[in-house]
Amino acid sequence: LFAGIVFAKTGNRDITATHGLFAKMPLTMAGLVVGALSLIGIPPTAGVFSKWFLIQGGMAAGHWGYVTALLISSLAMAVLFFRVFEYAFFGVKPAEGHGDHHPSGKGKFSEASASMLLPLMGTASLVLLIGIFNQSIVSIITDFVGQFNLTGSIMR
């Protein structure tokens, strides 16, 4: 959703399109931050619990390569997303350093339209709500699944 908004607003598909977006489009960037933190697996987003359950399952099954791959993928996503955050906040390519570079006033545009922003904010809200209330959600699912035996008939 974020990439679509940035492309629609800038016409650019490169990371340079995110130059200074924290100042220009704070709600859009908030949606990206929530989604990125969930993909990395940072609490209280929904992603932390799904990764936790996958890691627990991998450890219980003794599939250490699977666990290692999950942890490495989380680290790689953290590095990549935080580089995007840095460029979008400071307005410079991370390799250029911070120095006196700041987002310029050139090419200013406002926040995304409501038709683009509402799906992003709705999804970000759901990611946070599922993360916060995950124990209740998992409990409901396990109680429901627990009603079925291996043949699929309801046990009462």
C-alpha atoms as a PDB file:
ATOM      1  CA  LEU A   1       0.000   0.000   0.000  1.00  0.00           C
ATOM      2  CA  PHE A   2       2.806   2.381   0.919  1.00  0.00           C
ATOM      3  CA  ALA A   3       4.704   1.760  -2.320  1.00  0.00           C
ATOM      4  CA  GLY A   4       1.536   2.374  -4.337  1.00  0.00           C
ATOM      5  CA  ILE A   5       0.916   5.668  -2.546  1.00  0.00           C
ATOM      6  CA  VAL A   6       4.496   6.841  -3.079  1.00  0.00           C
ATOM      7  CA  PHE A   7       4.392   5.891  -6.761  1.00  0.00           C
ATOM      8  CA  ALA A   8       1.013   7.614  -7.224  1.00  0.00           C
ATOM      9  CA  LYS A   9       2.265  10.808  -5.543  1.00  0.00           C
ATOM     10  CA  THR A  10       5.782  10.965  -7.003  1.00  0.00           C
ATOM     11  CA  GLY A  11       5.712   8.866 -10.166  1.00  0.00           C
ATOM     12  CA  ASN A  12       8.978   7.340  -8.943  1.00  0.00           C
ATOM     13  CA  ARG A  13       9.603   3.709  -7.973  1.00  0.00           C
ATOM     14  CA  ASP A  14      13.099   4.240  -6.586  1.00  0.00           C
ATOM     15  CA  ILE A  15      14.092   4.713  -2.935  1.00  0.00           C
ATOM     16  CA  THR A  16      14.796   8.349  -3.824  1.00  0.00           C
ATOM     17  CA  ALA A  17      11.009   8.811  -3.943  1.00  0.00           C
ATOM     18  CA  THR A  18      10.969   8.506  -0.143  1.00  0.00           C
ATOM     19  CA  HIS A  19      13.275  11.539   0.236  1.00  0.00           C
ATOM     20  CA  GLY A  20      11.954  13.518   3.224  1.00  0.00           C
ATOM     21  CA  LEU A  21       8.539  11.813   3.323  1.00  0.00           C
ATOM     22  CA  PHE A  22       8.285  11.852   7.129  1.00  0.00           C
ATOM     23  CA  ALA A  23       7.845  15.632   6.902  1.00  0.00           C
ATOM     24  CA  LYS A  24       5.699  15.612   3.751  1.00  0.00           C
ATOM     25  CA  MET A  25       3.404  12.623   4.432  1.00  0.00           C
ATOM     26  CA  PRO A  26       3.457  11.744   8.151  1.00  0.00           C
ATOM     27  CA  LEU A  27       0.349   9.528   8.134  1.00  0.00           C
ATOM     28  CA  THR A  28       1.547   7.559   5.141  1.00  0.00           C
ATOM     29  CA  MET A  29       4.921   7.085   6.812  1.00  0.00           C
ATOM     30  CA  ALA A  30       3.221   5.993  10.049  1.00  0.00           C
ATOM     31  CA  GLY A  31       1.488   3.262   8.052  1.00  0.00           C
ATOM     32  CA  LEU A  32       4.834   2.160   6.624  1.00  0.00           C
ATOM     33  CA  VAL A  33       6.468   2.135  10.061  1.00  0.00           C
ATOM     34  CA  VAL A  34       3.727  -0.081  11.545  1.00  0.00           C
ATOM     35  CA  GLY A  35       3.894  -2.487   8.600  1.00  0.00           C
ATOM     36  CA  ALA A  36       7.682  -2.587   8.626  1.00  0.00           C
ATOM     37  CA  LEU A  37       7.867  -3.194  12.380  1.00  0.00           C
ATOM     38  CA  SER A  38       5.391  -6.040  11.956  1.00  0.00           C
ATOM     39  CA  LEU A  39       7.465  -7.630   9.177  1.00  0.00           C
ATOM     40  CA  ILE A  40      10.579  -7.324  11.323  1.00  0.00           C
ATOM     41  CA  GLY A  41       8.728  -8.824  14.306  1.00  0.00           C
ATOM     42  CA  ILE A  42       8.717  -5.958  16.813  1.00  0.00           C
ATOM     43  CA  PRO A  43       6.033  -5.853  19.557  1.00  0.00           C
ATOM     44  CA  PRO A  44       3.152  -4.999  19.781  1.00  0.00           C
ATOM     45  CA  THR A  45       2.544  -5.683  16.093  1.00  0.00           C
ATOM     46  CA  ALA A  46       0.948  -8.862  14.784  1.00  0.00           C
ATOM     47  CA  GLY A  47       4.219  -9.937  13.169  1.00  0.00           C
ATOM     48  CA  VAL A  48       6.029 -10.566  16.441  1.00  0.00           C
ATOM     49  CA  PHE A  49       3.578 -13.235  17.512  1.00  0.00           C
ATOM     50  CA  SER A  50       3.439 -15.036  14.193  1.00  0.00           C
ATOM     51  CA  LYS A  51       7.242 -15.167  14.132  1.00  0.00           C
ATOM     52  CA  TRP A  52       7.290 -16.293  17.749  1.00  0.00           C
ATOM     53  CA  PHE A  53       4.898 -19.177  17.033  1.00  0.00           C
ATOM     54  CA  LEU A  54       6.882 -20.176  13.916  1.00  0.00           C
ATOM     55  CA  ILE A  55      10.149 -20.118  15.864  1.00  0.00           C
ATOM     56  CA  GLN A  56       8.623 -22.150  18.704  1.00  0.00           C
ATOM     57  CA  GLY A  57       7.336 -24.714  16.204  1.00  0.00           C
ATOM     58  CA  GLY A  58      10.705 -24.909  14.482  1.00  0.00           C
ATOM     59  CA  MET A  59      12.497 -25.402  17.798  1.00  0.00           C
ATOM     60  CA  ALA A  60       9.993 -28.039  18.955  1.00  0.00           C
ATOM     61  CA  ALA A  61      10.467 -29.935  15.693  1.00  0.00           C
ATOM     62  CA  GLY A  62      14.234 -29.572  15.865  1.00  0.00           C
ATOM     63  CA  HIS A  63      14.418 -27.675  12.560  1.00  0.00           C
ATOM     64  CA  TRP A  64      17.219 -25.314  13.535  1.00  0.00           C
ATOM     65  CA  GLY A  65      17.892 -24.258   9.948  1.00  0.00           C
ATOM     66  CA  TYR A  66      14.313 -23.007   9.736  1.00  0.00           C
ATOM     67  CA  VAL A  67      14.684 -21.081  13.013  1.00  0.00           C
ATOM     68  CA  THR A  68      17.973 -19.583  11.831  1.00  0.00           C
ATOM     69  CA  ALA A  69      16.419 -18.540   8.503  1.00  0.00           C
ATOM     70  CA  LEU A  70      13.564 -16.774  10.335  1.00  0.00           C
ATOM     71  CA  LEU A  71      15.961 -14.889  12.581  1.00  0.00           C
ATOM     72  CA  ILE A  72      18.263 -13.899   9.716  1.00  0.00           C
ATOM     73  CA  SER A  73      15.304 -12.730   7.612  1.00  0.00           C
ATOM     74  CA  SER A  74      14.132 -10.547  10.510  1.00  0.00           C
ATOM     75  CA  LEU A  75      17.582  -9.024  10.826  1.00  0.00           C
ATOM     76  CA  ALA A  76      17.809  -8.390   7.077  1.00  0.00           C
ATOM     77  CA  MET A  77      14.387  -6.706   7.075  1.00  0.00           C
ATOM     78  CA  ALA A  78      15.399  -4.551  10.033  1.00  0.00           C
ATOM     79  CA  VAL A  79      18.504  -3.330   8.206  1.00  0.00           C
ATOM     80  CA  LEU A  80      16.604  -2.632   4.991  1.00  0.00           C
ATOM     81  CA  PHE A  81      13.623  -0.879   6.577  1.00  0.00           C
ATOM     82  CA  PHE A  82      15.718   1.245   8.899  1.00  0.00           C
ATOM     83  CA  ARG A  83      17.741   2.428   5.900  1.00  0.00           C
ATOM     84  CA  VAL A  84      14.473   3.457   4.221  1.00  0.00           C
ATOM     85  CA  PHE A  85      13.391   5.200   7.433  1.00  0.00           C
ATOM     86  CA  GLU A  86      16.698   7.053   7.584  1.00  0.00           C
ATOM     87  CA  TYR A  87      16.416   8.243   3.993  1.00  0.00           C
ATOM     88  CA  ALA A  88      12.743   9.214   4.431  1.00  0.00           C
ATOM     89  CA  PHE A  89      13.430  11.072   7.689  1.00  0.00           C
ATOM     90  CA  PHE A  90      16.744  12.781   7.016  1.00  0.00           C
ATOM     91  CA  GLY A  91      16.277  13.127   3.274  1.00  0.00           C
ATOM     92  CA  VAL A  92      19.686  11.806   2.318  1.00  0.00           C
ATOM     93  CA  LYS A  93      20.947   8.518   1.109  1.00  0.00           C
ATOM     94  CA  PRO A  94      22.316   6.677   4.162  1.00  0.00           C
ATOM     95  CA  ALA A  95      25.746   6.390   2.501  1.00  0.00           C
ATOM     96  CA  GLU A  96      25.971  10.192   2.199  1.00  0.00           C
ATOM     97  CA  GLY A  97      25.809  10.716   5.952  1.00  0.00           C
ATOM     98  CA  HIS A  98      23.757  13.317   7.743  1.00  0.00           C
ATOM     99  CA  GLY A  99      25.929  16.440   7.631  1.00  0.00           C
ATOM    100  CA  ASP A 100      23.964  19.509   6.584  1.00  0.00           C
ATOM    101  CA  HIS A 101      21.572  17.596   4.337  1.00  0.00           C
ATOM    102  CA  HIS A 102      17.930  18.119   5.124  1.00  0.00           C
ATOM    103  CA  PRO A 103      14.813  17.508   3.085  1.00  0.00           C
ATOM    104  CA  SER A 104      14.364  20.427   0.734  1.00  0.00           C
ATOM    105  CA  GLY A 105      11.135  22.314   0.300  1.00  0.00           C
ATOM    106  CA  LYS A 106      11.219  21.522  -3.426  1.00  0.00           C
ATOM    107  CA  GLY A 107       8.588  19.194  -4.751  1.00  0.00           C
ATOM    108  CA  LYS A 108       6.329  19.517  -1.708  1.00  0.00           C
ATOM    109  CA  PHE A 109       3.126  17.550  -1.827  1.00  0.00           C
ATOM    110  CA  SER A 110       0.518  16.902   0.776  1.00  0.00           C
ATOM    111  CA  GLU A 111      -0.624  13.735   2.457  1.00  0.00           C
ATOM    112  CA  ALA A 112      -2.127  10.997   0.333  1.00  0.00           C
ATOM    113  CA  SER A 113      -5.805  11.207  -0.546  1.00  0.00           C
ATOM    114  CA  ALA A 114      -8.338   9.555   1.745  1.00  0.00           C
ATOM    115  CA  SER A 115      -9.001   6.811  -0.827  1.00  0.00           C
ATOM    116  CA  MET A 116      -5.334   5.797  -0.602  1.00  0.00           C
ATOM    117  CA  LEU A 117      -4.738   6.611   3.057  1.00  0.00           C
ATOM    118  CA  LEU A 118      -7.754   4.837   4.600  1.00  0.00           C
ATOM    119  CA  PRO A 119      -6.743   1.318   3.460  1.00  0.00           C
ATOM    120  CA  LEU A 120      -3.176   1.904   4.697  1.00  0.00           C
ATOM    121  CA  MET A 121      -4.298   3.264   8.074  1.00  0.00           C
ATOM    122  CA  GLY A 122      -6.956   0.544   8.408  1.00  0.00           C
ATOM    123  CA  THR A 123      -4.401  -2.171   7.758  1.00  0.00           C
ATOM    124  CA  ALA A 124      -1.904  -0.585  10.158  1.00  0.00           C
ATOM    125  CA  SER A 125      -4.628  -0.390  12.828  1.00  0.00           C
ATOM    126  CA  LEU A 126      -5.513  -4.055  12.334  1.00  0.00           C
ATOM    127  CA  VAL A 127      -1.846  -5.048  12.575  1.00  0.00           C
ATOM    128  CA  LEU A 128      -1.616  -3.256  15.921  1.00  0.00           C
ATOM    129  CA  LEU A 129      -4.956  -4.547  17.242  1.00  0.00           C
ATOM    130  CA  ILE A 130      -4.172  -8.148  16.294  1.00  0.00           C
ATOM    131  CA  GLY A 131      -0.778  -7.778  17.937  1.00  0.00           C
ATOM    132  CA  ILE A 132      -2.236  -6.328  21.138  1.00  0.00           C
ATOM    133  CA  PHE A 133      -5.124  -8.793  21.405  1.00  0.00           C
ATOM    134  CA  ASN A 134      -3.329 -11.824  19.987  1.00  0.00           C
ATOM    135  CA  GLN A 135      -3.805 -14.029  23.068  1.00  0.00           C
ATOM    136  CA  SER A 136      -7.577 -13.621  22.879  1.00  0.00           C
ATOM    137  CA  ILE A 137      -7.575 -14.299  19.140  1.00  0.00           C
ATOM    138  CA  VAL A 138      -5.374 -17.392  19.447  1.00  0.00           C
ATOM    139  CA  SER A 139      -7.535 -18.646  22.327  1.00  0.00           C
ATOM    140  CA  ILE A 140     -10.710 -18.296  20.252  1.00  0.00           C
ATOM    141  CA  ILE A 141      -9.099 -20.136  17.324  1.00  0.00           C
ATOM    142  CA  THR A 142      -7.705 -22.967  19.446  1.00  0.00           C
ATOM    143  CA  ASP A 143     -11.039 -23.380  21.256  1.00  0.00           C
ATOM    144  CA  PHE A 144     -12.819 -23.583  17.904  1.00  0.00           C
ATOM    145  CA  VAL A 145     -10.312 -26.024  16.407  1.00  0.00           C
ATOM    146  CA  GLY A 146     -10.376 -28.071  19.611  1.00  0.00           C
ATOM    147  CA  GLN A 147     -14.042 -28.866  18.934  1.00  0.00           C
ATOM    148  CA  PHE A 148     -13.050 -31.053  15.977  1.00  0.00           C
ATOM    149  CA  ASN A 149     -11.510 -34.491  16.087  1.00  0.00           C
ATOM    150  CA  LEU A 150      -9.210 -35.852  13.357  1.00  0.00           C
ATOM    151  CA  THR A 151     -12.129 -36.865  11.123  1.00  0.00           C
ATOM    152  CA  GLY A 152     -13.587 -33.358  11.207  1.00  0.00           C
ATOM    153  CA  SER A 153     -16.763 -34.112  13.119  1.00  0.00           C
ATOM    154  CA  ILE A 154     -17.764 -31.881  16.026  1.00  0.00           C
ATOM    155  CA  MET A 155     -17.064 -33.318  19.487  1.00  0.00           C
ATOM    156  CA  ARG A 156     -19.569 -32.417  22.222  1.00  0.00           C
END
